[in-house]
Protein backbone atom coordinates (compact mmCIF):
# COMPACT_ATOMS: atom_id res chain seq x y z
CA UNK A 1 123.32 -50.82 64.96
CA UNK A 2 120.63 -48.61 63.54
CA UNK A 3 121.19 -45.08 62.35
CA UNK A 4 118.93 -42.36 63.70
CA UNK A 5 117.20 -40.14 61.23
CA UNK A 6 118.70 -36.64 61.04
CA UNK A 7 115.55 -34.64 61.72
CA UNK A 8 117.56 -31.35 61.75
CA UNK A 9 118.48 -31.75 58.11
CA UNK A 10 114.97 -32.82 57.21
CA UNK A 11 113.41 -29.80 58.97
CA UNK A 12 115.88 -27.46 57.29
CA UNK A 13 114.86 -28.89 53.96
CA UNK A 14 111.13 -28.56 54.70
CA UNK A 15 111.49 -25.01 56.13
CA UNK A 16 113.71 -24.00 53.25
CA UNK A 17 110.91 -25.02 50.83
CA UNK A 18 108.51 -22.46 52.43
CA UNK A 19 109.37 -18.93 51.42
CA UNK A 20 109.43 -16.26 54.16
CA UNK A 21 108.31 -12.84 53.00
CA UNK A 22 109.53 -10.13 55.37
CA UNK A 23 107.83 -7.32 53.33
CA UNK A 24 104.69 -7.91 55.38
CA UNK A 25 106.63 -7.03 58.58
CA UNK A 26 108.26 -4.04 56.83
CA UNK A 27 104.73 -2.87 55.76
CA UNK A 28 103.32 -3.38 59.21
CA UNK A 29 106.20 -1.43 60.78
CA UNK A 30 105.81 1.45 58.35
CA UNK A 31 102.03 1.50 58.94
CA UNK A 32 102.50 1.50 62.70
CA UNK A 33 105.19 4.22 62.52
CA UNK A 34 102.93 6.36 60.35
CA UNK A 35 99.95 5.90 62.75
CA UNK A 36 102.10 6.75 65.73
CA UNK A 37 103.30 9.87 64.01
CA UNK A 38 99.74 11.03 63.26
CA UNK A 39 98.56 10.25 66.77
CA UNK A 40 101.59 12.14 68.26
CA UNK A 41 100.72 15.12 66.03
CA UNK A 42 97.17 15.13 67.36
CA UNK A 43 98.32 14.83 70.96
CA UNK A 44 100.98 17.53 70.63
CA UNK A 45 98.59 19.88 68.94
CA UNK A 46 96.05 19.39 71.76
CA UNK A 47 98.76 19.99 74.31
CA UNK A 48 99.80 23.19 72.56
CA UNK A 49 96.21 24.40 72.37
CA UNK A 50 95.60 23.58 75.98
CA UNK A 51 98.75 25.35 77.04
CA UNK A 52 97.67 28.45 75.16
CA UNK A 53 94.28 28.46 76.87
CA UNK A 54 95.95 27.98 80.26
CA UNK A 55 98.44 30.77 79.67
CA UNK A 56 95.81 33.21 78.53
CA UNK A 57 93.60 32.24 81.52
CA UNK A 58 96.50 32.79 83.95
CA UNK A 59 97.44 36.15 82.35
CA UNK A 60 93.83 37.39 82.57
CA UNK A 61 93.53 36.30 86.13
CA UNK A 62 96.76 38.07 87.10
CA UNK A 63 95.62 41.25 85.35
CA UNK A 64 92.34 41.17 87.29
CA UNK A 65 94.10 40.45 90.56
CA UNK A 66 96.35 43.48 89.85
CA UNK A 67 93.29 45.70 89.43
CA UNK A 68 91.69 44.27 92.52
CA UNK A 69 94.91 44.83 94.61
CA UNK A 70 95.09 48.57 93.92
CA UNK A 71 94.34 50.89 96.76
CA UNK A 72 90.74 52.15 96.95
CA UNK A 73 89.37 55.41 98.32
CA UNK A 74 86.41 53.85 100.09
CA UNK A 75 86.02 50.60 101.98
CA UNK A 76 82.91 49.75 99.81
CA UNK A 77 85.16 49.86 96.73
CA UNK A 78 87.13 46.86 98.08
CA UNK A 79 83.93 44.85 98.35
CA UNK A 80 82.96 45.83 94.84
CA UNK A 81 86.38 44.92 93.44
CA UNK A 82 86.27 41.46 95.06
CA UNK A 83 82.70 40.94 93.75
CA UNK A 84 83.73 42.05 90.27
CA UNK A 85 86.75 39.75 90.39
CA UNK A 86 84.71 36.80 91.51
CA UNK A 87 81.97 37.22 88.89
CA UNK A 88 84.57 37.84 86.15
CA UNK A 89 86.54 34.80 87.22
CA UNK A 90 83.45 32.62 87.08
CA UNK A 91 82.60 33.81 83.52
CA UNK A 92 86.22 33.26 82.38
CA UNK A 93 86.35 29.83 84.03
CA UNK A 94 83.14 28.77 82.17
CA UNK A 95 84.50 30.11 78.89
CA UNK A 96 87.91 28.38 79.37
CA UNK A 97 86.34 25.08 80.35
CA UNK A 98 84.31 25.28 77.11
CA UNK A 99 87.61 25.83 75.18
CA UNK A 100 89.15 22.79 76.86
CA UNK A 101 86.01 20.72 76.02
CA UNK A 102 86.33 21.78 72.38
CA UNK A 103 89.99 20.77 72.26
CA UNK A 104 89.17 17.39 73.84
CA UNK A 105 86.27 16.89 71.40
CA UNK A 106 88.58 17.65 68.40
CA UNK A 107 91.24 15.22 69.75
CA UNK A 108 88.62 12.51 70.17
CA UNK A 109 87.19 13.00 66.64
CA UNK A 110 90.66 13.07 65.04
CA UNK A 111 91.79 9.98 66.98
CA UNK A 112 88.66 8.05 66.00
CA UNK A 113 89.19 9.01 62.33
CA UNK A 114 92.86 7.90 62.51
CA UNK A 115 91.95 4.58 64.16
CA UNK A 116 89.13 3.87 61.64
CA UNK A 117 91.59 4.59 58.71
CA UNK A 118 94.29 2.48 60.31
CA UNK A 119 91.88 -0.37 60.86
CA UNK A 120 90.80 -0.26 57.28
CA UNK A 121 94.37 -0.14 56.05
CA UNK A 122 95.43 -2.99 58.31
CA UNK A 123 92.52 -5.10 57.19
CA UNK A 124 93.40 -4.53 53.55
CA UNK A 125 97.08 -5.23 54.18
CA UNK A 126 96.32 -8.41 56.18
CA UNK A 127 94.06 -9.65 53.36
CA UNK A 128 96.79 -9.02 50.79
CA UNK A 129 99.41 -10.73 52.89
CA UNK A 130 97.16 -13.71 53.62
CA UNK A 131 96.37 -14.10 49.85
CA UNK A 132 100.03 -13.87 48.95
CA UNK A 133 101.05 -16.30 51.69
CA UNK A 134 98.41 -18.80 50.61
CA UNK A 135 99.70 -18.62 47.04
CA UNK A 136 103.31 -19.01 48.14
CA UNK A 137 102.58 -21.91 50.41
CA UNK A 138 100.45 -23.61 47.67
CA UNK A 139 103.30 -23.09 45.20
CA UNK A 140 105.91 -24.46 47.72
CA UNK A 141 103.73 -27.41 48.58
CA UNK A 142 103.38 -28.34 44.94
CA UNK A 143 107.09 -28.04 44.40
CA UNK A 144 107.78 -30.20 47.47
CA UNK A 145 105.26 -32.81 46.36
CA UNK A 146 106.88 -32.92 42.87
CA UNK A 147 110.28 -33.76 44.30
């Protein structure tokens, strides 16, 4: 009866000849964690700034409503108060929308800068890993061929 070749042992020997470098995975994890931290900082900063604009807008609106709600001596004064409130609200709305646009613009610019830097770093890291892996595989192949 013929013996079957033990492919498991053969594959273990072949795979054992090729080194596995986990430092590339460690580096990728650290790079990703660093990028996530920076992106989170940008997002949280934008949320904080947006909240500040919203809170100020709400406080200003409530102060103007308080002035508008006060009793007036003449009926025409009510119409003037409403008109003043409406025009003031329109001005403040335009100003606050511009503030929100500036925050969004800043977030966009910072995000693009981070992504560009991350892409450059990842490209450099990938090139270094590929070069090292090629050298390791070539060395392992030569060792395996010499056996």
